[in-house]
């Protein structure tokens, strides 16, 4: 995990998780074992947030160019073989 990155909606940073050391590992292990034993996932953990990031304006052109180059190389290879 990378350090210095922005936290998610839970506001928990990588540095905080690492600072918990054995205590944190014990608590997380207990929580995961409880979930496994009961088969019930807490509602907090079953929710997620999807944030769509805007695409670059020329991304479709870049994909088309990539596909065009791939096709040109494949055709040249077939003709040379």
N, C-alpha and C. Protein backbone atom coordinates (compact mmCIF):
# COMPACT_ATOMS: atom_id res chain seq x y z
N UNK A 1 0.84 -1.17 0.00
CA UNK A 1 0.00 0.00 0.00
C UNK A 1 0.89 1.24 0.00
N UNK A 2 0.48 2.25 -0.73
CA UNK A 2 1.29 3.45 -0.86
C UNK A 2 1.00 4.42 0.29
N UNK A 3 2.03 5.08 0.74
CA UNK A 3 1.91 6.06 1.81
C UNK A 3 1.58 7.43 1.24
N UNK A 4 0.95 8.26 2.10
CA UNK A 4 0.68 9.64 1.71
C UNK A 4 -0.48 9.82 0.75
N UNK A 5 -1.27 8.79 0.53
CA UNK A 5 -2.42 8.89 -0.38
C UNK A 5 -3.65 9.35 0.39
N UNK A 6 -4.61 9.90 -0.33
CA UNK A 6 -5.85 10.35 0.29
C UNK A 6 -6.62 9.17 0.84
N UNK A 7 -7.33 9.40 1.92
CA UNK A 7 -8.14 8.34 2.53
C UNK A 7 -9.44 8.18 1.75
N UNK A 8 -10.08 7.07 1.95
CA UNK A 8 -11.37 6.81 1.33
C UNK A 8 -12.48 7.38 2.18
N UNK A 9 -13.72 6.97 1.92
CA UNK A 9 -14.86 7.49 2.68
C UNK A 9 -14.79 7.16 4.16
N UNK A 10 -14.00 6.13 4.53
CA UNK A 10 -13.89 5.75 5.94
C UNK A 10 -12.85 6.57 6.69
N UNK A 11 -12.08 7.40 5.97
CA UNK A 11 -11.05 8.25 6.55
C UNK A 11 -9.96 7.47 7.28
N UNK A 12 -9.69 6.25 6.84
CA UNK A 12 -8.63 5.43 7.44
C UNK A 12 -7.43 5.45 6.49
N UNK A 13 -6.31 5.92 6.98
CA UNK A 13 -5.11 6.00 6.15
C UNK A 13 -4.26 4.74 6.30
N UNK A 14 -3.37 4.53 5.35
CA UNK A 14 -2.45 3.40 5.40
C UNK A 14 -1.57 3.52 6.64
N UNK A 15 -1.16 4.73 6.95
CA UNK A 15 -0.30 4.95 8.12
C UNK A 15 -1.01 4.54 9.41
N UNK A 16 -2.29 4.80 9.51
CA UNK A 16 -3.06 4.41 10.70
C UNK A 16 -3.12 2.90 10.83
N UNK A 17 -3.39 2.22 9.74
CA UNK A 17 -3.46 0.76 9.77
C UNK A 17 -2.12 0.18 10.20
N UNK A 18 -1.03 0.70 9.64
CA UNK A 18 0.29 0.20 9.99
C UNK A 18 0.64 0.50 11.44
N UNK A 19 0.17 1.62 11.98
CA UNK A 19 0.47 1.99 13.36
C UNK A 19 -0.21 1.05 14.36
N UNK A 20 -1.27 0.40 13.98
CA UNK A 20 -1.98 -0.51 14.89
C UNK A 20 -1.21 -1.80 15.17
N UNK A 21 -0.34 -2.17 14.28
CA UNK A 21 0.52 -3.35 14.40
C UNK A 21 -0.26 -4.57 14.86
N UNK A 22 0.23 -5.29 15.88
CA UNK A 22 -0.37 -6.56 16.32
C UNK A 22 -1.79 -6.37 16.86
N UNK A 23 -2.02 -5.25 17.54
CA UNK A 23 -3.36 -4.98 18.06
C UNK A 23 -4.37 -4.93 16.93
N UNK A 24 -4.04 -4.21 15.87
CA UNK A 24 -4.94 -4.08 14.72
C UNK A 24 -5.13 -5.39 14.00
N UNK A 25 -4.05 -6.15 13.88
CA UNK A 25 -4.13 -7.45 13.21
C UNK A 25 -5.07 -8.36 13.99
N UNK A 26 -4.97 -8.34 15.32
CA UNK A 26 -5.85 -9.16 16.16
C UNK A 26 -7.31 -8.79 16.00
N UNK A 27 -7.58 -7.46 15.99
CA UNK A 27 -8.96 -7.01 15.86
C UNK A 27 -9.55 -7.36 14.49
N UNK A 28 -8.78 -7.13 13.44
CA UNK A 28 -9.25 -7.45 12.08
C UNK A 28 -9.44 -8.96 11.93
N UNK A 29 -8.51 -9.74 12.47
CA UNK A 29 -8.64 -11.21 12.41
C UNK A 29 -9.89 -11.67 13.13
N UNK A 30 -10.15 -11.10 14.31
CA UNK A 30 -11.36 -11.45 15.06
C UNK A 30 -12.62 -11.11 14.26
N UNK A 31 -12.64 -9.93 13.67
CA UNK A 31 -13.80 -9.51 12.88
C UNK A 31 -14.02 -10.45 11.69
N UNK A 32 -12.95 -10.77 10.96
CA UNK A 32 -13.09 -11.65 9.80
C UNK A 32 -13.49 -13.06 10.19
N UNK A 33 -12.97 -13.56 11.31
CA UNK A 33 -13.38 -14.89 11.79
C UNK A 33 -14.85 -14.90 12.18
N UNK A 34 -15.31 -13.82 12.79
CA UNK A 34 -16.72 -13.73 13.17
C UNK A 34 -17.61 -13.72 11.93
N UNK A 35 -17.21 -12.97 10.92
CA UNK A 35 -17.96 -12.95 9.65
C UNK A 35 -17.98 -14.33 9.03
N UNK A 36 -16.85 -15.01 9.04
CA UNK A 36 -16.76 -16.36 8.46
C UNK A 36 -17.64 -17.34 9.22
N UNK A 37 -17.57 -17.29 10.55
CA UNK A 37 -18.33 -18.24 11.37
C UNK A 37 -19.83 -18.04 11.26
N UNK A 38 -20.29 -16.79 11.22
CA UNK A 38 -21.73 -16.51 11.20
C UNK A 38 -22.28 -16.44 9.78
N UNK A 39 -21.42 -16.12 8.83
CA UNK A 39 -21.89 -15.97 7.45
C UNK A 39 -22.59 -14.65 7.20
N UNK A 40 -22.54 -13.75 8.19
CA UNK A 40 -23.23 -12.46 8.05
C UNK A 40 -22.20 -11.34 7.96
N UNK A 41 -22.32 -10.56 6.91
CA UNK A 41 -21.43 -9.42 6.69
C UNK A 41 -22.11 -8.18 7.25
N UNK A 42 -21.42 -7.42 8.11
CA UNK A 42 -22.02 -6.18 8.63
C UNK A 42 -22.40 -5.25 7.48
N UNK A 43 -23.50 -4.51 7.66
CA UNK A 43 -23.97 -3.64 6.58
C UNK A 43 -22.93 -2.60 6.19
N UNK A 44 -22.11 -2.16 7.16
CA UNK A 44 -21.06 -1.18 6.84
C UNK A 44 -20.11 -1.73 5.79
N UNK A 45 -19.80 -3.02 5.89
CA UNK A 45 -18.84 -3.62 4.97
C UNK A 45 -19.46 -4.08 3.66
N UNK A 46 -20.78 -4.16 3.62
CA UNK A 46 -21.43 -4.63 2.39
C UNK A 46 -21.79 -3.49 1.45
N UNK A 47 -21.52 -2.26 1.87
CA UNK A 47 -21.80 -1.10 1.03
C UNK A 47 -20.51 -0.63 0.39
N UNK A 48 -20.63 -0.09 -0.79
CA UNK A 48 -19.46 0.49 -1.45
C UNK A 48 -19.89 1.75 -2.19
N UNK A 49 -18.91 2.58 -2.45
CA UNK A 49 -19.15 3.82 -3.17
C UNK A 49 -18.32 3.81 -4.44
N UNK A 50 -18.95 4.00 -5.56
CA UNK A 50 -18.25 4.06 -6.83
C UNK A 50 -18.21 5.51 -7.28
N UNK A 51 -16.99 5.99 -7.50
CA UNK A 51 -16.83 7.35 -7.99
C UNK A 51 -16.27 7.26 -9.40
N UNK A 52 -17.08 7.62 -10.37
CA UNK A 52 -16.65 7.56 -11.77
C UNK A 52 -15.78 8.77 -12.06
N UNK A 53 -14.61 8.49 -12.60
CA UNK A 53 -13.73 9.60 -12.96
C UNK A 53 -13.93 9.92 -14.44
N UNK A 54 -13.91 11.20 -14.79
CA UNK A 54 -14.14 11.55 -16.19
C UNK A 54 -12.99 11.06 -17.06
N UNK A 55 -13.34 10.61 -18.23
CA UNK A 55 -12.33 10.12 -19.16
C UNK A 55 -11.70 11.29 -19.89
N UNK A 56 -10.49 11.07 -20.34
CA UNK A 56 -9.82 12.10 -21.13
C UNK A 56 -10.58 12.25 -22.44
N UNK A 57 -10.68 13.46 -22.98
CA UNK A 57 -11.48 13.68 -24.19
C UNK A 57 -11.02 12.85 -25.39
N UNK A 58 -9.74 12.62 -25.52
CA UNK A 58 -9.23 11.92 -26.69
C UNK A 58 -8.99 10.43 -26.44
N UNK A 59 -9.56 9.89 -25.38
CA UNK A 59 -9.30 8.49 -25.06
C UNK A 59 -9.82 7.56 -26.15
N UNK A 60 -10.97 7.86 -26.71
CA UNK A 60 -11.51 7.00 -27.77
C UNK A 60 -10.64 7.06 -29.02
N UNK A 61 -10.13 8.23 -29.33
CA UNK A 61 -9.23 8.36 -30.47
C UNK A 61 -7.96 7.55 -30.23
N UNK A 62 -7.46 7.58 -29.01
CA UNK A 62 -6.24 6.83 -28.68
C UNK A 62 -6.49 5.33 -28.82
N UNK A 63 -7.64 4.88 -28.39
CA UNK A 63 -7.98 3.45 -28.50
C UNK A 63 -8.10 3.06 -29.97
N UNK A 64 -8.76 3.90 -30.76
CA UNK A 64 -8.91 3.61 -32.18
C UNK A 64 -7.55 3.57 -32.87
N UNK A 65 -6.67 4.53 -32.52
CA UNK A 65 -5.32 4.54 -33.09
C UNK A 65 -4.56 3.28 -32.72
N UNK A 66 -4.68 2.87 -31.46
CA UNK A 66 -4.00 1.66 -31.01
C UNK A 66 -4.50 0.45 -31.79
N UNK A 67 -5.82 0.36 -31.94
CA UNK A 67 -6.40 -0.76 -32.69
C UNK A 67 -5.97 -0.72 -34.15
N UNK A 68 -5.91 0.47 -34.73
CA UNK A 68 -5.49 0.62 -36.12
C UNK A 68 -4.05 0.14 -36.28
N UNK A 69 -3.15 0.58 -35.38
CA UNK A 69 -1.75 0.17 -35.46
C UNK A 69 -1.62 -1.35 -35.27
N UNK A 70 -2.38 -1.90 -34.33
CA UNK A 70 -2.34 -3.34 -34.10
C UNK A 70 -2.75 -4.10 -35.37
N UNK A 71 -3.83 -3.63 -36.01
CA UNK A 71 -4.30 -4.28 -37.22
C UNK A 71 -3.29 -4.15 -38.36
N UNK A 72 -2.67 -2.96 -38.47
CA UNK A 72 -1.68 -2.75 -39.54
C UNK A 72 -0.46 -3.67 -39.33
N UNK A 73 -0.03 -3.79 -38.10
CA UNK A 73 1.13 -4.66 -37.80
C UNK A 73 0.77 -6.11 -38.06
N UNK A 74 -0.42 -6.52 -37.67
CA UNK A 74 -0.86 -7.91 -37.88
C UNK A 74 -0.95 -8.20 -39.37
N UNK A 75 -1.50 -7.27 -40.16
CA UNK A 75 -1.60 -7.49 -41.60
C UNK A 75 -0.23 -7.54 -42.27
N UNK A 76 0.68 -6.68 -41.83
CA UNK A 76 2.03 -6.68 -42.39
C UNK A 76 2.74 -7.99 -42.05
N UNK A 77 2.52 -8.49 -40.87
CA UNK A 77 3.14 -9.75 -40.46
C UNK A 77 2.60 -10.91 -41.30
N UNK A 78 1.27 -10.91 -41.53
CA UNK A 78 0.65 -11.97 -42.31
C UNK A 78 1.18 -11.94 -43.75
N UNK A 79 1.32 -10.76 -44.30
CA UNK A 79 1.80 -10.64 -45.69
C UNK A 79 3.26 -11.04 -45.83
N UNK A 80 4.05 -10.79 -44.78
CA UNK A 80 5.47 -11.12 -44.83
C UNK A 80 5.73 -12.59 -44.56
N UNK A 81 4.82 -13.27 -43.95
CA UNK A 81 5.04 -14.67 -43.56
C UNK A 81 4.79 -15.63 -44.67
